[in-house]
Amino acid sequence: MIIGVTGPSGAGKSLFCSMLAERGFRVLDCDKIYHDIISSPCECTSALEARFGHGIINENGGVDRSALADIVFKDDEALTDLNSITLGYVKKEVKRMAYDAVSVGTPVVIDAPTLFEAGCEELCDITVGLLAPREKRAARLSSRDGGVRSEKQIASRIDASKSDNFYISRCDTVWRNDGNTDALAAFADRLAQEASSHLA
């Protein structure tokens, strides 16, 4: 069974996916896969450099993620271009990893903020959208990565996210994550039970 988990920045996807990992799922973190792809010179980094300029390339020939974020989270067109360049590479790797896991009986969760934009929903048996109030999302983002982001950077990231309706209209199931971890864990239990019956 393959579950796709998506939602806007700061909705609690990482926590939820870690709960599913504790219940036997292999977690494919699309952000991490994307970061691994762009961390060294490759076809994808060359395409990004051609679009965004040499200023986004670090001394190792990979992408300086901070420099790229400064560009794309302030400009909708730039963010669209970033996604159109990178998502195909990410989907190809996610598909390979997901099918490898499922072939040996391991359920998979794809943690993907851009699940639908990348076309990864086609790989999933069920899609789950996690939503959260703006203030909860801002609090989570401010504590992430050691709290190095400014309020302005956090607001830009939230503003660049899709609306709740985007996820509500596309996901099979939507969970409103108000910060109640017990309720979130119970939801993870329910999905794990569904996965067990699916694999049985």
N, C-alpha and C. Protein backbone atom coordinates (compact mmCIF):
# COMPACT_ATOMS: atom_id res chain seq x y z
N MET A 1 0.85 -1.19 0.00
CA MET A 1 0.00 0.00 0.00
C MET A 1 0.88 1.24 0.00
N ILE A 2 0.48 2.22 -0.78
CA ILE A 2 1.21 3.49 -0.85
C ILE A 2 0.25 4.62 -0.47
N ILE A 3 0.64 5.36 0.56
CA ILE A 3 -0.16 6.51 1.01
C ILE A 3 0.61 7.78 0.66
N GLY A 4 -0.06 8.73 0.05
CA GLY A 4 0.55 10.03 -0.22
C GLY A 4 0.08 11.04 0.81
N VAL A 5 1.02 11.68 1.48
CA VAL A 5 0.69 12.70 2.48
C VAL A 5 1.15 14.05 1.96
N THR A 6 0.24 15.00 1.93
CA THR A 6 0.57 16.33 1.42
C THR A 6 -0.09 17.39 2.28
N GLY A 7 0.16 18.64 1.94
CA GLY A 7 -0.40 19.76 2.69
C GLY A 7 0.57 20.92 2.64
N PRO A 8 0.14 22.07 3.12
CA PRO A 8 0.99 23.26 3.07
C PRO A 8 2.13 23.20 4.08
N SER A 9 3.10 24.10 3.93
CA SER A 9 4.23 24.18 4.86
C SER A 9 3.74 24.39 6.29
N GLY A 10 4.31 23.61 7.21
CA GLY A 10 3.99 23.79 8.62
C GLY A 10 2.73 23.09 9.09
N ALA A 11 2.15 22.23 8.25
CA ALA A 11 0.89 21.56 8.63
C ALA A 11 1.12 20.35 9.54
N GLY A 12 2.38 19.91 9.67
CA GLY A 12 2.68 18.77 10.53
C GLY A 12 2.90 17.46 9.79
N LYS A 13 3.24 17.55 8.50
CA LYS A 13 3.43 16.34 7.69
C LYS A 13 4.57 15.47 8.22
N SER A 14 5.67 16.10 8.61
CA SER A 14 6.84 15.32 9.07
C SER A 14 6.51 14.53 10.33
N LEU A 15 5.82 15.17 11.28
CA LEU A 15 5.43 14.47 12.51
C LEU A 15 4.51 13.30 12.18
N PHE A 16 3.53 13.54 11.34
CA PHE A 16 2.58 12.49 10.99
C PHE A 16 3.29 11.33 10.29
N CYS A 17 4.19 11.65 9.38
CA CYS A 17 4.92 10.59 8.66
C CYS A 17 5.83 9.82 9.61
N SER A 18 6.39 10.50 10.62
CA SER A 18 7.23 9.79 11.60
C SER A 18 6.37 8.82 12.41
N MET A 19 5.11 9.20 12.66
CA MET A 19 4.18 8.28 13.35
C MET A 19 3.91 7.05 12.48
N LEU A 20 3.75 7.26 11.18
CA LEU A 20 3.54 6.12 10.28
C LEU A 20 4.79 5.25 10.19
N ALA A 21 5.97 5.88 10.25
CA ALA A 21 7.22 5.11 10.24
C ALA A 21 7.28 4.19 11.46
N GLU A 22 6.83 4.69 12.62
CA GLU A 22 6.81 3.87 13.83
C GLU A 22 5.85 2.69 13.69
N ARG A 23 4.92 2.79 12.76
CA ARG A 23 3.93 1.74 12.53
C ARG A 23 4.28 0.86 11.33
N GLY A 24 5.55 0.93 10.90
CA GLY A 24 6.04 0.01 9.88
C GLY A 24 6.11 0.51 8.46
N PHE A 25 5.79 1.78 8.25
CA PHE A 25 5.84 2.34 6.89
C PHE A 25 7.25 2.77 6.54
N ARG A 26 7.59 2.63 5.27
CA ARG A 26 8.82 3.24 4.74
C ARG A 26 8.44 4.65 4.29
N VAL A 27 9.10 5.66 4.87
CA VAL A 27 8.78 7.05 4.54
C VAL A 27 9.70 7.54 3.43
N LEU A 28 9.10 8.02 2.35
CA LEU A 28 9.85 8.65 1.27
C LEU A 28 9.60 10.15 1.37
N ASP A 29 10.59 10.86 1.88
CA ASP A 29 10.50 12.31 2.10
C ASP A 29 10.92 13.01 0.81
N CYS A 30 9.94 13.54 0.09
CA CYS A 30 10.24 14.15 -1.22
C CYS A 30 11.15 15.36 -1.10
N ASP A 31 11.05 16.12 0.00
CA ASP A 31 11.96 17.25 0.20
C ASP A 31 13.40 16.74 0.29
N LYS A 32 13.61 15.66 1.06
CA LYS A 32 14.96 15.11 1.21
C LYS A 32 15.46 14.55 -0.13
N ILE A 33 14.59 13.86 -0.85
CA ILE A 33 14.97 13.31 -2.15
C ILE A 33 15.37 14.44 -3.09
N TYR A 34 14.57 15.51 -3.09
CA TYR A 34 14.86 16.70 -3.90
C TYR A 34 16.21 17.31 -3.50
N HIS A 35 16.44 17.45 -2.18
CA HIS A 35 17.71 18.02 -1.70
C HIS A 35 18.90 17.16 -2.11
N ASP A 36 18.71 15.82 -2.03
CA ASP A 36 19.79 14.91 -2.45
C ASP A 36 20.10 15.08 -3.93
N ILE A 37 19.06 15.23 -4.74
CA ILE A 37 19.25 15.38 -6.20
C ILE A 37 20.04 16.65 -6.51
N ILE A 38 19.69 17.77 -5.85
CA ILE A 38 20.31 19.05 -6.21
C ILE A 38 21.58 19.36 -5.42
N SER A 39 22.03 18.40 -4.57
CA SER A 39 23.21 18.68 -3.73
C SER A 39 24.53 18.57 -4.48
N SER A 40 24.50 17.98 -5.67
CA SER A 40 25.73 17.87 -6.46
C SER A 40 25.39 18.10 -7.93
N PRO A 41 26.41 18.37 -8.75
CA PRO A 41 26.15 18.68 -10.16
C PRO A 41 25.43 17.54 -10.87
N CYS A 42 24.39 17.88 -11.60
CA CYS A 42 23.64 16.89 -12.38
C CYS A 42 22.81 17.64 -13.41
N GLU A 43 22.06 16.89 -14.19
CA GLU A 43 21.22 17.49 -15.23
C GLU A 43 20.22 18.49 -14.62
N CYS A 44 19.68 18.13 -13.45
CA CYS A 44 18.70 18.99 -12.78
C CYS A 44 19.34 20.31 -12.32
N THR A 45 20.52 20.24 -11.71
CA THR A 45 21.17 21.48 -11.23
C THR A 45 21.55 22.37 -12.41
N SER A 46 21.93 21.77 -13.52
CA SER A 46 22.25 22.57 -14.71
C SER A 46 21.03 23.32 -15.21
N ALA A 47 19.88 22.65 -15.20
CA ALA A 47 18.64 23.30 -15.64
C ALA A 47 18.25 24.43 -14.69
N LEU A 48 18.46 24.22 -13.39
CA LEU A 48 18.16 25.27 -12.40
C LEU A 48 19.08 26.47 -12.58
N GLU A 49 20.36 26.19 -12.83
CA GLU A 49 21.31 27.29 -13.04
C GLU A 49 20.94 28.09 -14.28
N ALA A 50 20.52 27.40 -15.34
CA ALA A 50 20.13 28.09 -16.57
C ALA A 50 18.95 29.01 -16.33
N ARG A 51 18.03 28.60 -15.46
CA ARG A 51 16.83 29.42 -15.21
C ARG A 51 17.08 30.52 -14.18
N PHE A 52 17.80 30.20 -13.09
CA PHE A 52 17.90 31.14 -11.96
C PHE A 52 19.26 31.82 -11.82
N GLY A 53 20.23 31.43 -12.64
CA GLY A 53 21.53 32.09 -12.61
C GLY A 53 22.56 31.37 -11.77
N HIS A 54 23.83 31.71 -12.00
CA HIS A 54 24.94 31.04 -11.33
C HIS A 54 24.96 31.32 -9.82
N GLY A 55 24.28 32.38 -9.40
CA GLY A 55 24.25 32.74 -7.98
C GLY A 55 23.62 31.69 -7.08
N ILE A 56 22.88 30.75 -7.65
CA ILE A 56 22.27 29.70 -6.81
C ILE A 56 23.16 28.47 -6.67
N ILE A 57 24.31 28.48 -7.34
CA ILE A 57 25.22 27.32 -7.30
C ILE A 57 26.28 27.54 -6.22
N ASN A 58 26.47 26.52 -5.37
CA ASN A 58 27.48 26.63 -4.30
C ASN A 58 28.85 26.17 -4.80
N GLU A 59 29.82 26.21 -3.89
CA GLU A 59 31.21 25.91 -4.29
C GLU A 59 31.40 24.46 -4.72
N ASN A 60 30.47 23.57 -4.33
CA ASN A 60 30.57 22.16 -4.72
C ASN A 60 29.86 21.84 -6.03
N GLY A 61 29.23 22.87 -6.62
CA GLY A 61 28.51 22.66 -7.87
C GLY A 61 27.06 22.26 -7.69
N GLY A 62 26.65 22.10 -6.42
CA GLY A 62 25.24 21.83 -6.13
C GLY A 62 24.49 23.15 -5.97
N VAL A 63 23.22 23.05 -5.59
CA VAL A 63 22.39 24.25 -5.44
C VAL A 63 22.45 24.76 -4.01
N ASP A 64 22.65 26.07 -3.88
CA ASP A 64 22.56 26.76 -2.58
C ASP A 64 21.07 26.95 -2.32
N ARG A 65 20.51 26.10 -1.46
CA ARG A 65 19.06 26.09 -1.25
C ARG A 65 18.54 27.41 -0.68
N SER A 66 19.32 28.04 0.16
CA SER A 66 18.90 29.31 0.75
C SER A 66 18.79 30.40 -0.32
N ALA A 67 19.77 30.45 -1.21
CA ALA A 67 19.75 31.44 -2.30
C ALA A 67 18.57 31.19 -3.23
N LEU A 68 18.30 29.92 -3.51
CA LEU A 68 17.17 29.58 -4.38
C LEU A 68 15.84 29.92 -3.70
N ALA A 69 15.73 29.62 -2.40
CA ALA A 69 14.50 29.92 -1.65
C ALA A 69 14.20 31.41 -1.64
N ASP A 70 15.26 32.22 -1.51
CA ASP A 70 15.07 33.68 -1.51
C ASP A 70 14.43 34.16 -2.81
N ILE A 71 14.68 33.45 -3.89
CA ILE A 71 14.10 33.82 -5.19
C ILE A 71 12.67 33.30 -5.32
N VAL A 72 12.49 32.00 -5.07
CA VAL A 72 11.22 31.38 -5.46
C VAL A 72 10.06 31.65 -4.50
N PHE A 73 10.36 31.93 -3.23
CA PHE A 73 9.26 32.16 -2.30
C PHE A 73 8.76 33.61 -2.33
N LYS A 74 9.34 34.42 -3.21
CA LYS A 74 8.87 35.80 -3.39
C LYS A 74 8.23 36.00 -4.76
N ASP A 75 8.24 34.97 -5.59
CA ASP A 75 7.85 35.13 -6.99
C ASP A 75 7.11 33.87 -7.46
N ASP A 76 5.80 33.99 -7.67
CA ASP A 76 4.99 32.83 -8.06
C ASP A 76 5.48 32.18 -9.35
N GLU A 77 5.89 33.00 -10.30
CA GLU A 77 6.36 32.46 -11.58
C GLU A 77 7.65 31.67 -11.39
N ALA A 78 8.54 32.18 -10.53
CA ALA A 78 9.79 31.48 -10.26
C ALA A 78 9.52 30.14 -9.57
N LEU A 79 8.55 30.12 -8.65
CA LEU A 79 8.20 28.87 -7.96
C LEU A 79 7.62 27.86 -8.95
N THR A 80 6.79 28.34 -9.85
CA THR A 80 6.23 27.46 -10.89
C THR A 80 7.34 26.88 -11.76
N ASP A 81 8.31 27.72 -12.12
CA ASP A 81 9.44 27.25 -12.94
C ASP A 81 10.28 26.22 -12.18
N LEU A 82 10.51 26.49 -10.88
CA LEU A 82 11.28 25.54 -10.06
C LEU A 82 10.60 24.17 -10.08
N ASN A 83 9.29 24.17 -9.85
CA ASN A 83 8.55 22.91 -9.82
C ASN A 83 8.58 22.21 -11.18
N SER A 84 8.43 22.97 -12.25
CA SER A 84 8.41 22.34 -13.58
C SER A 84 9.77 21.72 -13.92
N ILE A 85 10.84 22.29 -13.39
CA ILE A 85 12.18 21.74 -13.65
C ILE A 85 12.44 20.50 -12.79
N THR A 86 12.09 20.56 -11.50
CA THR A 86 12.55 19.53 -10.56
C THR A 86 11.61 18.35 -10.35
N LEU A 87 10.31 18.57 -10.50
CA LEU A 87 9.37 17.53 -10.05
C LEU A 87 9.47 16.23 -10.83
N GLY A 88 9.82 16.29 -12.10
CA GLY A 88 9.98 15.06 -12.87
C GLY A 88 11.11 14.19 -12.34
N TYR A 89 12.21 14.83 -11.93
CA TYR A 89 13.34 14.09 -11.37
C TYR A 89 12.94 13.44 -10.04
N VAL A 90 12.20 14.20 -9.23
CA VAL A 90 11.77 13.69 -7.93
C VAL A 90 10.81 12.51 -8.11
N LYS A 91 9.84 12.64 -9.01
CA LYS A 91 8.86 11.57 -9.21
C LYS A 91 9.53 10.27 -9.65
N LYS A 92 10.49 10.39 -10.54
CA LYS A 92 11.18 9.19 -11.05
C LYS A 92 11.85 8.43 -9.90
N GLU A 93 12.52 9.16 -9.00
CA GLU A 93 13.21 8.53 -7.87
C GLU A 93 12.21 7.98 -6.85
N VAL A 94 11.14 8.72 -6.58
CA VAL A 94 10.10 8.27 -5.64
C VAL A 94 9.46 6.98 -6.15
N LYS A 95 9.15 6.94 -7.43
CA LYS A 95 8.53 5.74 -8.02
C LYS A 95 9.43 4.53 -7.84
N ARG A 96 10.71 4.68 -8.12
CA ARG A 96 11.65 3.57 -7.98
C ARG A 96 11.69 3.07 -6.54
N MET A 97 11.83 4.01 -5.59
CA MET A 97 11.95 3.65 -4.18
C MET A 97 10.65 3.03 -3.64
N ALA A 98 9.51 3.59 -4.05
CA ALA A 98 8.22 3.08 -3.57
C ALA A 98 7.98 1.66 -4.05
N TYR A 99 8.23 1.42 -5.32
CA TYR A 99 7.98 0.08 -5.86
C TYR A 99 8.95 -0.95 -5.29
N ASP A 100 10.18 -0.53 -4.99
CA ASP A 100 11.14 -1.43 -4.34
C ASP A 100 10.61 -1.88 -2.98
N ALA A 101 10.07 -0.93 -2.21
CA ALA A 101 9.56 -1.24 -0.87
C ALA A 101 8.32 -2.12 -0.94
N VAL A 102 7.37 -1.75 -1.79
CA VAL A 102 6.11 -2.51 -1.90
C VAL A 102 6.37 -3.93 -2.38
N SER A 103 7.38 -4.10 -3.23
CA SER A 103 7.67 -5.44 -3.78
C SER A 103 8.10 -6.43 -2.70
N VAL A 104 8.57 -5.92 -1.55
CA VAL A 104 8.95 -6.82 -0.45
C VAL A 104 7.94 -6.72 0.70
N GLY A 105 6.75 -6.18 0.42
CA GLY A 105 5.68 -6.17 1.41
C GLY A 105 5.70 -5.04 2.42
N THR A 106 6.48 -4.00 2.15
CA THR A 106 6.55 -2.86 3.08
C THR A 106 5.62 -1.76 2.62
N PRO A 107 4.69 -1.32 3.49
CA PRO A 107 3.84 -0.19 3.10
C PRO A 107 4.66 1.09 3.03
N VAL A 108 4.24 2.00 2.17
CA VAL A 108 5.01 3.22 1.90
C VAL A 108 4.15 4.44 2.16
N VAL A 109 4.79 5.47 2.72
CA VAL A 109 4.15 6.79 2.78
C VAL A 109 5.05 7.76 2.04
N ILE A 110 4.46 8.47 1.09
CA ILE A 110 5.17 9.50 0.34
C ILE A 110 4.84 10.84 0.99
N ASP A 111 5.85 11.47 1.59
CA ASP A 111 5.70 12.78 2.24
C ASP A 111 6.05 13.83 1.19
N ALA A 112 5.01 14.47 0.62
CA ALA A 112 5.24 15.33 -0.55
C ALA A 112 4.39 16.59 -0.52
N PRO A 113 5.00 17.74 -0.24
CA PRO A 113 4.24 18.99 -0.30
C PRO A 113 3.65 19.24 -1.69
N THR A 114 4.32 18.72 -2.72
CA THR A 114 3.86 18.92 -4.10
C THR A 114 3.42 17.58 -4.71
N LEU A 115 2.68 16.80 -3.94
CA LEU A 115 2.24 15.47 -4.38
C LEU A 115 1.51 15.52 -5.72
N PHE A 116 0.56 16.44 -5.85
CA PHE A 116 -0.25 16.52 -7.07
C PHE A 116 0.51 17.20 -8.20
N GLU A 117 1.27 18.23 -7.87
CA GLU A 117 2.03 18.94 -8.90
C GLU A 117 3.06 18.01 -9.55
N ALA A 118 3.61 17.07 -8.77
CA ALA A 118 4.61 16.13 -9.29
C ALA A 118 3.98 14.93 -9.98
N GLY A 119 2.66 14.79 -9.85
CA GLY A 119 2.00 13.62 -10.42
C GLY A 119 2.18 12.37 -9.59
N CYS A 120 2.68 12.51 -8.35
CA CYS A 120 2.93 11.34 -7.50
C CYS A 120 1.64 10.72 -6.95
N GLU A 121 0.53 11.44 -7.04
CA GLU A 121 -0.74 10.85 -6.58
C GLU A 121 -1.09 9.61 -7.40
N GLU A 122 -0.56 9.54 -8.63
CA GLU A 122 -0.81 8.37 -9.50
C GLU A 122 -0.21 7.10 -8.90
N LEU A 123 0.78 7.25 -8.03
CA LEU A 123 1.44 6.10 -7.41
C LEU A 123 0.70 5.62 -6.17
N CYS A 124 -0.25 6.42 -5.67
CA CYS A 124 -0.84 6.21 -4.34
C CYS A 124 -2.16 5.46 -4.36
N ASP A 125 -2.36 4.64 -3.33
CA ASP A 125 -3.66 4.00 -3.12
C ASP A 125 -4.62 4.96 -2.42
N ILE A 126 -4.07 5.85 -1.61
CA ILE A 126 -4.88 6.85 -0.90
C ILE A 126 -4.04 8.11 -0.72
N THR A 127 -4.70 9.27 -0.82
CA THR A 127 -3.99 10.54 -0.58
C THR A 127 -4.60 11.23 0.63
N VAL A 128 -3.72 11.75 1.49
CA VAL A 128 -4.12 12.40 2.73
C VAL A 128 -3.61 13.83 2.73
N GLY A 129 -4.50 14.78 2.97
CA GLY A 129 -4.10 16.18 3.10
C GLY A 129 -4.11 16.60 4.55
N LEU A 130 -2.98 17.11 5.04
CA LEU A 130 -2.92 17.65 6.40
C LEU A 130 -3.03 19.17 6.31
N LEU A 131 -3.97 19.72 7.06
CA LEU A 131 -4.17 21.17 7.10
C LEU A 131 -4.02 21.64 8.54
N ALA A 132 -3.70 22.92 8.71
CA ALA A 132 -3.55 23.48 10.06
C ALA A 132 -3.78 24.98 9.99
N PRO A 133 -4.22 25.58 11.11
CA PRO A 133 -4.39 27.04 11.13
C PRO A 133 -3.06 27.75 10.88
N ARG A 134 -3.12 28.92 10.30
CA ARG A 134 -1.93 29.68 9.94
C ARG A 134 -0.98 29.87 11.13
N GLU A 135 -1.54 30.22 12.31
CA GLU A 135 -0.67 30.48 13.46
C GLU A 135 0.08 29.22 13.91
N LYS A 136 -0.57 28.06 13.80
CA LYS A 136 0.11 26.79 14.14
C LYS A 136 1.21 26.51 13.13
N ARG A 137 0.92 26.77 11.87
CA ARG A 137 1.93 26.55 10.83
C ARG A 137 3.13 27.46 11.05
N ALA A 138 2.88 28.72 11.36
CA ALA A 138 3.97 29.68 11.60
C ALA A 138 4.82 29.23 12.78
N ALA A 139 4.18 28.74 13.85
CA ALA A 139 4.93 28.29 15.03
C ALA A 139 5.81 27.09 14.68
N ARG A 140 5.28 26.16 13.89
CA ARG A 140 6.09 24.99 13.50
C ARG A 140 7.27 25.41 12.63
N LEU A 141 7.02 26.30 11.68
CA LEU A 141 8.09 26.74 10.79
C LEU A 141 9.17 27.51 11.54
N SER A 142 8.77 28.27 12.57
CA SER A 142 9.76 29.06 13.30
C SER A 142 10.66 28.17 14.15
N SER A 143 10.16 26.99 14.55
CA SER A 143 10.99 26.09 15.36
C SER A 143 11.80 25.12 14.51
N ARG A 144 11.50 25.05 13.22
CA ARG A 144 12.21 24.14 12.32
C ARG A 144 13.59 24.69 11.98
N ASP A 145 14.53 23.79 11.72
CA ASP A 145 15.90 24.18 11.32
C ASP A 145 16.55 25.11 12.34
N GLY A 146 16.28 24.89 13.62
CA GLY A 146 16.94 25.67 14.66
C GLY A 146 16.43 27.09 14.79
N GLY A 147 15.28 27.38 14.24
CA GLY A 147 14.67 28.70 14.38
C GLY A 147 15.42 29.82 13.68
N VAL A 148 16.05 29.52 12.55
CA VAL A 148 16.88 30.53 11.87
C VAL A 148 16.08 31.40 10.89
N ARG A 149 14.84 31.03 10.62
CA ARG A 149 14.05 31.83 9.66
C ARG A 149 13.45 33.05 10.34
N SER A 150 13.43 34.15 9.60
CA SER A 150 12.79 35.38 10.10
C SER A 150 11.27 35.26 9.94
N GLU A 151 10.54 36.15 10.63
CA GLU A 151 9.07 36.16 10.48
C GLU A 151 8.68 36.42 9.03
N LYS A 152 9.45 37.27 8.36
CA LYS A 152 9.16 37.58 6.96
C LYS A 152 9.35 36.35 6.07
N GLN A 153 10.41 35.59 6.32
CA GLN A 153 10.66 34.37 5.54
C GLN A 153 9.55 33.34 5.78
N ILE A 154 9.11 33.24 7.03
CA ILE A 154 8.04 32.30 7.37
C ILE A 154 6.75 32.70 6.68
N ALA A 155 6.42 34.00 6.73
CA ALA A 155 5.20 34.49 6.09
C ALA A 155 5.25 34.25 4.58
N SER A 156 6.43 34.46 3.97
CA SER A 156 6.58 34.23 2.52
C SER A 156 6.32 32.77 2.17
N ARG A 157 6.85 31.88 3.02
CA ARG A 157 6.68 30.44 2.77
C ARG A 157 5.21 30.04 2.90
N ILE A 158 4.55 30.57 3.91
CA ILE A 158 3.13 30.26 4.10
C ILE A 158 2.30 30.82 2.95
N ASP A 159 2.60 32.06 2.57
CA ASP A 159 1.84 32.70 1.48
C ASP A 159 2.04 31.98 0.15
N ALA A 160 3.20 31.33 -0.01
CA ALA A 160 3.50 30.62 -1.27
C ALA A 160 2.79 29.27 -1.35
N SER A 161 2.24 28.81 -0.22
CA SER A 161 1.56 27.51 -0.20
C SER A 161 0.21 27.58 -0.90
N LYS A 162 -0.25 26.43 -1.35
CA LYS A 162 -1.58 26.33 -1.93
C LYS A 162 -2.64 26.57 -0.85
N SER A 163 -3.84 26.93 -1.28
CA SER A 163 -4.94 27.15 -0.33
C SER A 163 -5.44 25.81 0.21
N ASP A 164 -6.14 25.85 1.34
CA ASP A 164 -6.74 24.63 1.89
C ASP A 164 -7.64 23.96 0.87
N ASN A 165 -8.38 24.75 0.10
CA ASN A 165 -9.31 24.19 -0.88
C ASN A 165 -8.60 23.35 -1.95
N PHE A 166 -7.36 23.69 -2.25
CA PHE A 166 -6.57 22.91 -3.21
C PHE A 166 -6.49 21.46 -2.73
N TYR A 167 -6.19 21.28 -1.43
CA TYR A 167 -6.03 19.94 -0.87
C TYR A 167 -7.39 19.26 -0.65
N ILE A 168 -8.37 20.04 -0.17
CA ILE A 168 -9.70 19.49 0.09
C ILE A 168 -10.31 18.92 -1.19
N SER A 169 -10.10 19.61 -2.30
CA SER A 169 -10.72 19.17 -3.57
C SER A 169 -9.98 18.00 -4.22
N ARG A 170 -8.76 17.70 -3.79
CA ARG A 170 -7.96 16.67 -4.46
C ARG A 170 -7.69 15.43 -3.60
N CYS A 171 -7.59 15.59 -2.30
CA CYS A 171 -7.21 14.46 -1.44
C CYS A 171 -8.39 13.55 -1.13
N ASP A 172 -8.09 12.26 -0.97
CA ASP A 172 -9.13 11.30 -0.58
C ASP A 172 -9.61 11.57 0.84
N THR A 173 -8.67 11.97 1.71
CA THR A 173 -8.96 12.24 3.12
C THR A 173 -8.23 13.51 3.53
N VAL A 174 -8.88 14.32 4.35
CA VAL A 174 -8.24 15.53 4.88
C VAL A 174 -8.29 15.48 6.40
N TRP A 175 -7.15 15.80 7.04
CA TRP A 175 -7.06 15.84 8.50
C TRP A 175 -6.68 17.25 8.92
N ARG A 176 -7.48 17.83 9.81
CA ARG A 176 -7.18 19.17 10.33
C ARG A 176 -6.33 19.00 11.58
N ASN A 177 -5.07 19.35 11.47
CA ASN A 177 -4.10 19.13 12.54
C ASN A 177 -4.03 20.37 13.44
N ASP A 178 -4.77 20.32 14.54
CA ASP A 178 -4.80 21.46 15.45
C ASP A 178 -3.74 21.37 16.54
N GLY A 179 -2.88 20.35 16.44
CA GLY A 179 -1.81 20.19 17.43
C GLY A 179 -2.08 19.09 18.44
N ASN A 180 -3.22 18.41 18.34
CA ASN A 180 -3.55 17.31 19.25
C ASN A 180 -2.84 16.04 18.75
N THR A 181 -1.69 15.73 19.38
CA THR A 181 -0.87 14.61 18.88
C THR A 181 -1.54 13.26 19.13
N ASP A 182 -2.35 13.15 20.19
CA ASP A 182 -3.04 11.88 20.44
C ASP A 182 -4.03 11.58 19.31
N ALA A 183 -4.76 12.61 18.88
CA ALA A 183 -5.72 12.42 17.79
C ALA A 183 -4.99 12.09 16.49
N LEU A 184 -3.85 12.75 16.27
CA LEU A 184 -3.06 12.48 15.06
C LEU A 184 -2.53 11.05 15.08
N ALA A 185 -2.09 10.59 16.26
CA ALA A 185 -1.59 9.22 16.40
C ALA A 185 -2.71 8.21 16.14
N ALA A 186 -3.92 8.53 16.60
CA ALA A 186 -5.06 7.63 16.36
C ALA A 186 -5.37 7.54 14.86
N PHE A 187 -5.22 8.66 14.17
CA PHE A 187 -5.42 8.67 12.72
C PHE A 187 -4.34 7.81 12.04
N ALA A 188 -3.10 7.91 12.53
CA ALA A 188 -2.01 7.08 11.99
C ALA A 188 -2.31 5.60 12.23
N ASP A 189 -2.86 5.27 13.41
CA ASP A 189 -3.24 3.88 13.70
C ASP A 189 -4.26 3.37 12.69
N ARG A 190 -5.24 4.22 12.39
CA ARG A 190 -6.30 3.83 11.45
C ARG A 190 -5.72 3.52 10.07
N LEU A 191 -4.80 4.38 9.62
CA LEU A 191 -4.19 4.16 8.30
C LEU A 191 -3.31 2.91 8.31
N ALA A 192 -2.61 2.67 9.43
CA ALA A 192 -1.77 1.48 9.53
C ALA A 192 -2.62 0.21 9.47
N GLN A 193 -3.81 0.25 10.09
CA GLN A 193 -4.72 -0.90 10.03
C GLN A 193 -5.20 -1.13 8.59
N GLU A 194 -5.51 -0.03 7.91
CA GLU A 194 -5.93 -0.14 6.50
C GLU A 194 -4.82 -0.76 5.66
N ALA A 195 -3.58 -0.35 5.94
CA ALA A 195 -2.44 -0.88 5.19
C ALA A 195 -2.27 -2.37 5.45
N SER A 196 -2.47 -2.79 6.72
CA SER A 196 -2.34 -4.21 7.06
C SER A 196 -3.36 -5.04 6.30
N SER A 197 -4.63 -4.56 6.26
CA SER A 197 -5.64 -5.33 5.53
C SER A 197 -5.38 -5.32 4.04
N HIS A 198 -4.80 -4.23 3.54
CA HIS A 198 -4.50 -4.11 2.11
C HIS A 198 -3.41 -5.12 1.71
N LEU A 199 -2.43 -5.29 2.61
CA LEU A 199 -1.29 -6.17 2.30
C LEU A 199 -1.60 -7.63 2.61
N ALA A 200 -2.67 -7.87 3.39
CA ALA A 200 -2.99 -9.25 3.81
C ALA A 200 -3.42 -10.10 2.63
